[in-house]
């Protein structure tokens, strides 16, 4: 049976934003990442113009964005929401990279429909066991 997977997480600190950027942009490595496949990962959205080689740039660009809107941060504010979208491994079994990219594009379009221009980053990971989108 194929299952859809959606995980959401409130991100409330700049350190968490930087950790997410390190993982999503592959600035740091982990045991579950196949470095030989990292070149297959794809950035679908980067409306903030984040430097994907600099871990702190995502939180810096988000801070600039919020400042430009006149938003004043308060303690315990949610600074970012992170979503991870995937499906069961069986769903991806036998799929070509082009088909997975098409699946990812549909996910991005869904999020844009739901959240509009609030979608700032979308990264497809093909270098872990099961493809997924952050």
N, C-alpha and C. Protein backbone atom coordinates (compact mmCIF):
# COMPACT_ATOMS: atom_id res chain seq x y z
N UNK A 1 0.84 -1.18 0.00
CA UNK A 1 0.00 0.00 0.00
C UNK A 1 0.89 1.25 0.00
N UNK A 2 0.55 2.24 -0.82
CA UNK A 2 1.27 3.51 -0.88
C UNK A 2 0.65 4.48 0.11
N UNK A 3 1.50 5.16 0.85
CA UNK A 3 1.03 6.16 1.81
C UNK A 3 1.72 7.48 1.57
N UNK A 4 0.98 8.56 1.77
CA UNK A 4 1.56 9.89 1.73
C UNK A 4 2.08 10.22 3.12
N UNK A 5 3.12 11.01 3.18
CA UNK A 5 3.71 11.39 4.46
C UNK A 5 3.89 12.90 4.47
N UNK A 6 3.43 13.55 5.54
CA UNK A 6 3.63 14.98 5.72
C UNK A 6 3.97 15.21 7.18
N UNK A 7 5.15 15.78 7.42
CA UNK A 7 5.55 16.13 8.78
C UNK A 7 5.70 17.64 8.84
N UNK A 8 5.19 18.23 9.90
CA UNK A 8 5.34 19.67 10.10
C UNK A 8 6.06 19.92 11.42
N UNK A 9 6.81 21.01 11.44
CA UNK A 9 7.52 21.37 12.66
C UNK A 9 7.60 22.89 12.76
N UNK A 10 7.23 23.41 13.94
CA UNK A 10 7.42 24.83 14.22
C UNK A 10 8.88 25.05 14.55
N UNK A 11 9.48 26.04 13.92
CA UNK A 11 10.87 26.38 14.17
C UNK A 11 10.87 27.73 14.90
N UNK A 12 11.41 27.72 16.13
CA UNK A 12 11.29 28.91 16.99
C UNK A 12 12.62 29.58 17.34
N UNK A 13 13.71 29.09 16.78
CA UNK A 13 14.99 29.73 17.09
C UNK A 13 15.84 29.83 15.83
N UNK A 14 16.74 30.81 15.84
CA UNK A 14 17.65 30.97 14.71
C UNK A 14 18.57 29.76 14.57
N UNK A 15 18.95 29.19 15.70
CA UNK A 15 19.82 28.00 15.67
C UNK A 15 19.11 26.85 14.94
N UNK A 16 17.81 26.68 15.17
CA UNK A 16 17.05 25.63 14.48
C UNK A 16 16.96 25.91 12.98
N UNK A 17 16.82 27.18 12.61
CA UNK A 17 16.77 27.54 11.19
C UNK A 17 18.10 27.18 10.53
N UNK A 18 19.20 27.51 11.20
CA UNK A 18 20.52 27.21 10.67
C UNK A 18 20.74 25.71 10.56
N UNK A 19 20.28 24.95 11.56
CA UNK A 19 20.39 23.49 11.49
C UNK A 19 19.60 22.94 10.32
N UNK A 20 18.41 23.47 10.09
CA UNK A 20 17.59 23.02 8.95
C UNK A 20 18.32 23.34 7.64
N UNK A 21 18.91 24.53 7.54
CA UNK A 21 19.64 24.91 6.33
C UNK A 21 20.84 24.00 6.11
N UNK A 22 21.56 23.68 7.19
CA UNK A 22 22.72 22.78 7.07
C UNK A 22 22.30 21.44 6.48
N UNK A 23 21.16 20.92 6.96
CA UNK A 23 20.67 19.64 6.45
C UNK A 23 20.12 19.79 5.03
N UNK A 24 19.24 20.74 4.83
CA UNK A 24 18.54 20.86 3.55
C UNK A 24 19.47 21.20 2.40
N UNK A 25 20.49 22.01 2.67
CA UNK A 25 21.43 22.41 1.61
C UNK A 25 22.70 21.57 1.62
N UNK A 26 22.73 20.55 2.45
CA UNK A 26 23.85 19.59 2.52
C UNK A 26 25.18 20.27 2.85
N UNK A 27 25.11 21.22 3.78
CA UNK A 27 26.32 21.87 4.26
C UNK A 27 27.04 20.96 5.25
N UNK A 28 26.28 20.09 5.92
CA UNK A 28 26.89 19.08 6.78
C UNK A 28 26.41 17.71 6.31
N UNK A 29 27.21 16.70 6.56
CA UNK A 29 26.86 15.35 6.15
C UNK A 29 26.30 14.56 7.32
N UNK A 30 25.56 13.52 7.01
CA UNK A 30 24.99 12.63 8.02
C UNK A 30 25.15 11.21 7.52
N UNK A 31 25.02 10.26 8.43
CA UNK A 31 25.18 8.85 8.08
C UNK A 31 24.16 8.36 7.05
N UNK A 32 22.96 8.92 7.07
CA UNK A 32 21.90 8.43 6.18
C UNK A 32 21.93 9.09 4.79
N UNK A 33 22.93 9.92 4.53
CA UNK A 33 23.03 10.61 3.25
C UNK A 33 24.07 9.91 2.38
N UNK A 34 23.68 9.61 1.14
CA UNK A 34 24.59 9.02 0.17
C UNK A 34 25.22 10.18 -0.62
N UNK A 35 26.43 10.58 -0.21
CA UNK A 35 27.09 11.74 -0.81
C UNK A 35 27.25 11.62 -2.32
N UNK A 36 27.32 10.41 -2.84
CA UNK A 36 27.48 10.23 -4.29
C UNK A 36 26.20 10.61 -5.04
N UNK A 37 25.08 10.71 -4.34
CA UNK A 37 23.80 11.06 -4.97
C UNK A 37 23.36 12.50 -4.68
N UNK A 38 24.12 13.21 -3.84
CA UNK A 38 23.72 14.57 -3.45
C UNK A 38 23.57 15.49 -4.66
N UNK A 39 24.36 15.26 -5.69
CA UNK A 39 24.27 16.10 -6.90
C UNK A 39 22.90 16.00 -7.57
N UNK A 40 22.12 14.97 -7.23
CA UNK A 40 20.79 14.79 -7.81
C UNK A 40 19.73 15.64 -7.10
N UNK A 41 20.04 16.14 -5.90
CA UNK A 41 19.09 16.98 -5.18
C UNK A 41 18.77 18.21 -6.00
N UNK A 42 17.58 18.77 -5.78
CA UNK A 42 17.16 19.89 -6.62
C UNK A 42 16.43 20.93 -5.78
N UNK A 43 16.79 22.19 -5.98
CA UNK A 43 16.09 23.29 -5.32
C UNK A 43 14.98 23.76 -6.26
N UNK A 44 13.74 23.68 -5.78
CA UNK A 44 12.58 24.09 -6.57
C UNK A 44 12.19 25.54 -6.29
N UNK A 45 12.43 26.00 -5.06
CA UNK A 45 12.07 27.37 -4.67
C UNK A 45 13.19 27.93 -3.81
N UNK A 46 13.56 29.18 -4.08
CA UNK A 46 14.51 29.91 -3.24
C UNK A 46 14.24 31.39 -3.45
N UNK A 47 13.04 31.83 -3.05
CA UNK A 47 12.62 33.21 -3.33
C UNK A 47 13.38 34.24 -2.51
N UNK A 48 14.03 33.81 -1.44
CA UNK A 48 14.80 34.75 -0.63
C UNK A 48 16.22 34.93 -1.16
N UNK A 49 16.59 34.13 -2.15
CA UNK A 49 17.95 34.21 -2.69
C UNK A 49 18.99 33.75 -1.68
N UNK A 50 18.67 32.71 -0.93
CA UNK A 50 19.57 32.19 0.11
C UNK A 50 20.82 31.60 -0.54
N UNK A 51 21.98 31.94 0.03
CA UNK A 51 23.24 31.34 -0.38
C UNK A 51 23.27 29.94 0.21
N UNK A 52 23.12 28.93 -0.61
CA UNK A 52 23.00 27.56 -0.14
C UNK A 52 24.32 26.96 0.32
N UNK A 53 25.39 27.75 0.28
CA UNK A 53 26.70 27.30 0.77
C UNK A 53 27.01 27.88 2.16
N UNK A 54 26.12 28.76 2.65
CA UNK A 54 26.35 29.45 3.93
C UNK A 54 25.20 29.11 4.88
N UNK A 55 25.49 28.37 5.93
CA UNK A 55 24.46 27.84 6.83
C UNK A 55 23.58 28.92 7.46
N UNK A 56 24.16 30.05 7.82
CA UNK A 56 23.39 31.08 8.53
C UNK A 56 22.58 31.97 7.58
N UNK A 57 22.75 31.83 6.28
CA UNK A 57 22.10 32.76 5.35
C UNK A 57 20.58 32.66 5.37
N UNK A 58 20.03 31.47 5.58
CA UNK A 58 18.57 31.33 5.60
C UNK A 58 17.98 32.15 6.74
N UNK A 59 18.53 32.02 7.95
CA UNK A 59 17.96 32.79 9.06
C UNK A 59 18.21 34.28 8.88
N UNK A 60 19.35 34.65 8.29
CA UNK A 60 19.62 36.07 8.04
C UNK A 60 18.62 36.64 7.03
N UNK A 61 18.36 35.90 5.95
CA UNK A 61 17.41 36.38 4.92
C UNK A 61 15.98 36.42 5.47
N UNK A 62 15.62 35.43 6.30
CA UNK A 62 14.29 35.47 6.92
C UNK A 62 14.15 36.68 7.84
N UNK A 63 15.18 36.96 8.62
CA UNK A 63 15.15 38.12 9.52
C UNK A 63 14.98 39.41 8.72
N UNK A 64 15.72 39.53 7.62
CA UNK A 64 15.59 40.71 6.74
C UNK A 64 14.17 40.81 6.18
N UNK A 65 13.62 39.67 5.76
CA UNK A 65 12.27 39.64 5.20
C UNK A 65 11.25 40.11 6.24
N UNK A 66 11.33 39.57 7.46
CA UNK A 66 10.38 39.96 8.51
C UNK A 66 10.56 41.43 8.88
N UNK A 67 11.79 41.89 8.94
CA UNK A 67 12.07 43.29 9.25
C UNK A 67 11.45 44.20 8.19
N UNK A 68 11.56 43.81 6.94
CA UNK A 68 10.97 44.58 5.85
C UNK A 68 9.45 44.66 5.92
N UNK A 69 8.85 43.69 6.58
CA UNK A 69 7.40 43.71 6.77
C UNK A 69 6.99 44.48 8.03
N UNK A 70 8.00 44.90 8.80
CA UNK A 70 7.71 45.61 10.05
C UNK A 70 7.31 44.69 11.20
N UNK A 71 7.62 43.41 11.07
CA UNK A 71 7.26 42.45 12.12
C UNK A 71 8.30 42.50 13.22
N UNK A 72 7.83 42.67 14.46
CA UNK A 72 8.73 42.67 15.60
C UNK A 72 8.67 41.30 16.26
N UNK A 73 9.84 40.72 16.45
CA UNK A 73 9.93 39.39 17.07
C UNK A 73 9.62 39.46 18.55
N UNK A 74 8.91 38.45 19.02
CA UNK A 74 8.64 38.30 20.45
C UNK A 74 9.19 36.95 20.87
N UNK A 75 9.42 36.81 22.16
CA UNK A 75 9.91 35.54 22.68
C UNK A 75 8.95 34.42 22.31
N UNK A 76 9.51 33.32 21.89
CA UNK A 76 8.75 32.11 21.56
C UNK A 76 7.93 32.23 20.27
N UNK A 77 8.21 33.22 19.44
CA UNK A 77 7.56 33.31 18.13
C UNK A 77 7.93 32.10 17.27
N UNK A 78 7.03 31.71 16.39
CA UNK A 78 7.37 30.73 15.37
C UNK A 78 8.01 31.53 14.24
N UNK A 79 9.29 31.24 13.99
CA UNK A 79 10.03 31.97 12.97
C UNK A 79 9.90 31.35 11.59
N UNK A 80 9.59 30.06 11.57
CA UNK A 80 9.51 29.34 10.31
C UNK A 80 8.74 28.04 10.56
N UNK A 81 8.03 27.59 9.56
CA UNK A 81 7.45 26.25 9.59
C UNK A 81 8.23 25.41 8.60
N UNK A 82 8.58 24.20 9.03
CA UNK A 82 9.24 23.29 8.11
C UNK A 82 8.30 22.12 7.84
N UNK A 83 8.15 21.82 6.58
CA UNK A 83 7.34 20.68 6.14
C UNK A 83 8.27 19.69 5.46
N UNK A 84 8.02 18.42 5.71
CA UNK A 84 8.71 17.36 4.96
C UNK A 84 7.61 16.53 4.31
N UNK A 85 7.67 16.42 2.99
CA UNK A 85 6.67 15.70 2.22
C UNK A 85 7.34 14.50 1.56
N UNK A 86 6.72 13.34 1.70
CA UNK A 86 7.26 12.14 1.08
C UNK A 86 6.11 11.16 0.84
N UNK A 87 6.48 9.96 0.54
CA UNK A 87 5.52 8.87 0.37
C UNK A 87 6.22 7.59 0.79
N UNK A 88 5.46 6.53 0.85
CA UNK A 88 6.06 5.25 1.23
C UNK A 88 7.09 4.84 0.18
N UNK A 89 8.11 4.09 0.60
CA UNK A 89 9.14 3.65 -0.35
C UNK A 89 8.55 2.92 -1.57
N UNK A 90 7.47 2.19 -1.38
CA UNK A 90 6.84 1.46 -2.48
C UNK A 90 6.37 2.40 -3.58
N UNK A 91 5.91 3.59 -3.19
CA UNK A 91 5.44 4.57 -4.18
C UNK A 91 6.56 4.95 -5.14
N UNK A 92 7.78 5.10 -4.61
CA UNK A 92 8.92 5.54 -5.42
C UNK A 92 9.62 4.40 -6.14
N UNK A 93 9.30 3.17 -5.78
CA UNK A 93 9.97 2.01 -6.36
C UNK A 93 9.83 2.00 -7.89
N UNK A 94 10.96 1.94 -8.58
CA UNK A 94 10.95 1.87 -10.04
C UNK A 94 10.75 3.20 -10.74
N UNK A 95 10.58 4.29 -10.00
CA UNK A 95 10.37 5.60 -10.62
C UNK A 95 11.70 6.17 -11.12
N UNK A 96 11.64 6.80 -12.28
CA UNK A 96 12.79 7.51 -12.82
C UNK A 96 12.92 8.84 -12.08
N UNK A 97 14.12 9.43 -12.12
CA UNK A 97 14.32 10.72 -11.47
C UNK A 97 13.38 11.77 -12.06
N UNK A 98 13.12 11.71 -13.34
CA UNK A 98 12.21 12.68 -13.96
C UNK A 98 10.80 12.55 -13.38
N UNK A 99 10.38 11.34 -13.09
CA UNK A 99 9.05 11.12 -12.49
C UNK A 99 9.01 11.63 -11.05
N UNK A 100 10.11 11.45 -10.33
CA UNK A 100 10.17 11.96 -8.95
C UNK A 100 10.19 13.48 -8.95
N UNK A 101 10.91 14.07 -9.90
CA UNK A 101 10.91 15.54 -10.04
C UNK A 101 9.50 16.05 -10.34
N UNK A 102 8.77 15.33 -11.18
CA UNK A 102 7.38 15.71 -11.49
C UNK A 102 6.52 15.63 -10.23
N UNK A 103 6.68 14.56 -9.44
CA UNK A 103 5.96 14.41 -8.18
C UNK A 103 6.28 15.61 -7.27
N UNK A 104 7.58 15.93 -7.16
CA UNK A 104 7.99 17.04 -6.29
C UNK A 104 7.39 18.36 -6.77
N UNK A 105 7.37 18.58 -8.07
CA UNK A 105 6.78 19.80 -8.61
C UNK A 105 5.30 19.92 -8.24
N UNK A 106 4.59 18.79 -8.28
CA UNK A 106 3.17 18.80 -7.86
C UNK A 106 3.04 19.18 -6.39
N UNK A 107 3.96 18.70 -5.55
CA UNK A 107 3.92 19.03 -4.12
C UNK A 107 4.16 20.52 -3.92
N UNK A 108 5.14 21.06 -4.64
CA UNK A 108 5.46 22.48 -4.53
C UNK A 108 4.25 23.31 -4.97
N UNK A 109 3.62 22.93 -6.07
CA UNK A 109 2.44 23.66 -6.54
C UNK A 109 1.31 23.62 -5.52
N UNK A 110 1.13 22.48 -4.86
CA UNK A 110 0.11 22.37 -3.82
C UNK A 110 0.41 23.36 -2.69
N UNK A 111 1.65 23.39 -2.23
CA UNK A 111 2.01 24.30 -1.14
C UNK A 111 1.87 25.76 -1.55
N UNK A 112 2.20 26.07 -2.79
CA UNK A 112 2.03 27.44 -3.27
C UNK A 112 0.56 27.82 -3.30
N UNK A 113 -0.30 26.86 -3.67
CA UNK A 113 -1.74 27.12 -3.68
C UNK A 113 -2.26 27.36 -2.26
N UNK A 114 -1.74 26.58 -1.33
CA UNK A 114 -2.18 26.69 0.07
C UNK A 114 -1.60 27.91 0.78
N UNK A 115 -0.32 28.22 0.53
CA UNK A 115 0.38 29.23 1.31
C UNK A 115 0.87 30.42 0.50
N UNK A 116 0.66 30.40 -0.80
CA UNK A 116 1.04 31.53 -1.65
C UNK A 116 2.52 31.83 -1.59
N UNK A 117 2.84 33.14 -1.49
CA UNK A 117 4.24 33.54 -1.51
C UNK A 117 4.96 33.32 -0.18
N UNK A 118 4.28 32.69 0.77
CA UNK A 118 4.93 32.33 2.03
C UNK A 118 5.89 31.15 1.86
N UNK A 119 5.77 30.44 0.74
CA UNK A 119 6.70 29.34 0.45
C UNK A 119 8.01 29.98 0.01
N UNK A 120 9.05 29.81 0.83
CA UNK A 120 10.33 30.49 0.58
C UNK A 120 11.41 29.54 0.08
N UNK A 121 11.37 28.29 0.50
CA UNK A 121 12.39 27.30 0.14
C UNK A 121 11.70 25.98 -0.14
N UNK A 122 12.12 25.29 -1.17
CA UNK A 122 11.68 23.91 -1.43
C UNK A 122 12.86 23.15 -2.03
N UNK A 123 13.28 22.09 -1.34
CA UNK A 123 14.44 21.31 -1.75
C UNK A 123 14.06 19.83 -1.80
N UNK A 124 14.32 19.21 -2.93
CA UNK A 124 14.09 17.77 -3.09
C UNK A 124 15.37 17.02 -2.77
N UNK A 125 15.26 16.04 -1.88
CA UNK A 125 16.40 15.19 -1.54
C UNK A 125 16.24 13.83 -2.20
N UNK A 126 17.22 13.50 -3.01
CA UNK A 126 17.26 12.20 -3.67
C UNK A 126 18.44 11.36 -3.17
N UNK A 127 19.13 11.87 -2.16
CA UNK A 127 20.33 11.20 -1.67
C UNK A 127 20.13 10.47 -0.34
N UNK A 128 18.88 10.28 0.03
CA UNK A 128 18.55 9.49 1.21
C UNK A 128 17.75 8.28 0.74
N UNK A 129 17.40 7.41 1.66
CA UNK A 129 16.74 6.15 1.29
C UNK A 129 15.44 6.39 0.51
N UNK A 130 14.62 7.32 0.97
CA UNK A 130 13.35 7.61 0.30
C UNK A 130 13.33 9.08 -0.12
N UNK A 131 13.02 9.37 -1.37
CA UNK A 131 12.94 10.77 -1.81
C UNK A 131 11.95 11.55 -0.95
N UNK A 132 12.26 12.82 -0.72
CA UNK A 132 11.38 13.68 0.05
C UNK A 132 11.70 15.14 -0.24
N UNK A 133 10.76 16.00 0.11
CA UNK A 133 10.86 17.42 -0.16
C UNK A 133 10.79 18.17 1.16
N UNK A 134 11.73 19.11 1.36
CA UNK A 134 11.69 20.00 2.54
C UNK A 134 11.17 21.34 2.07
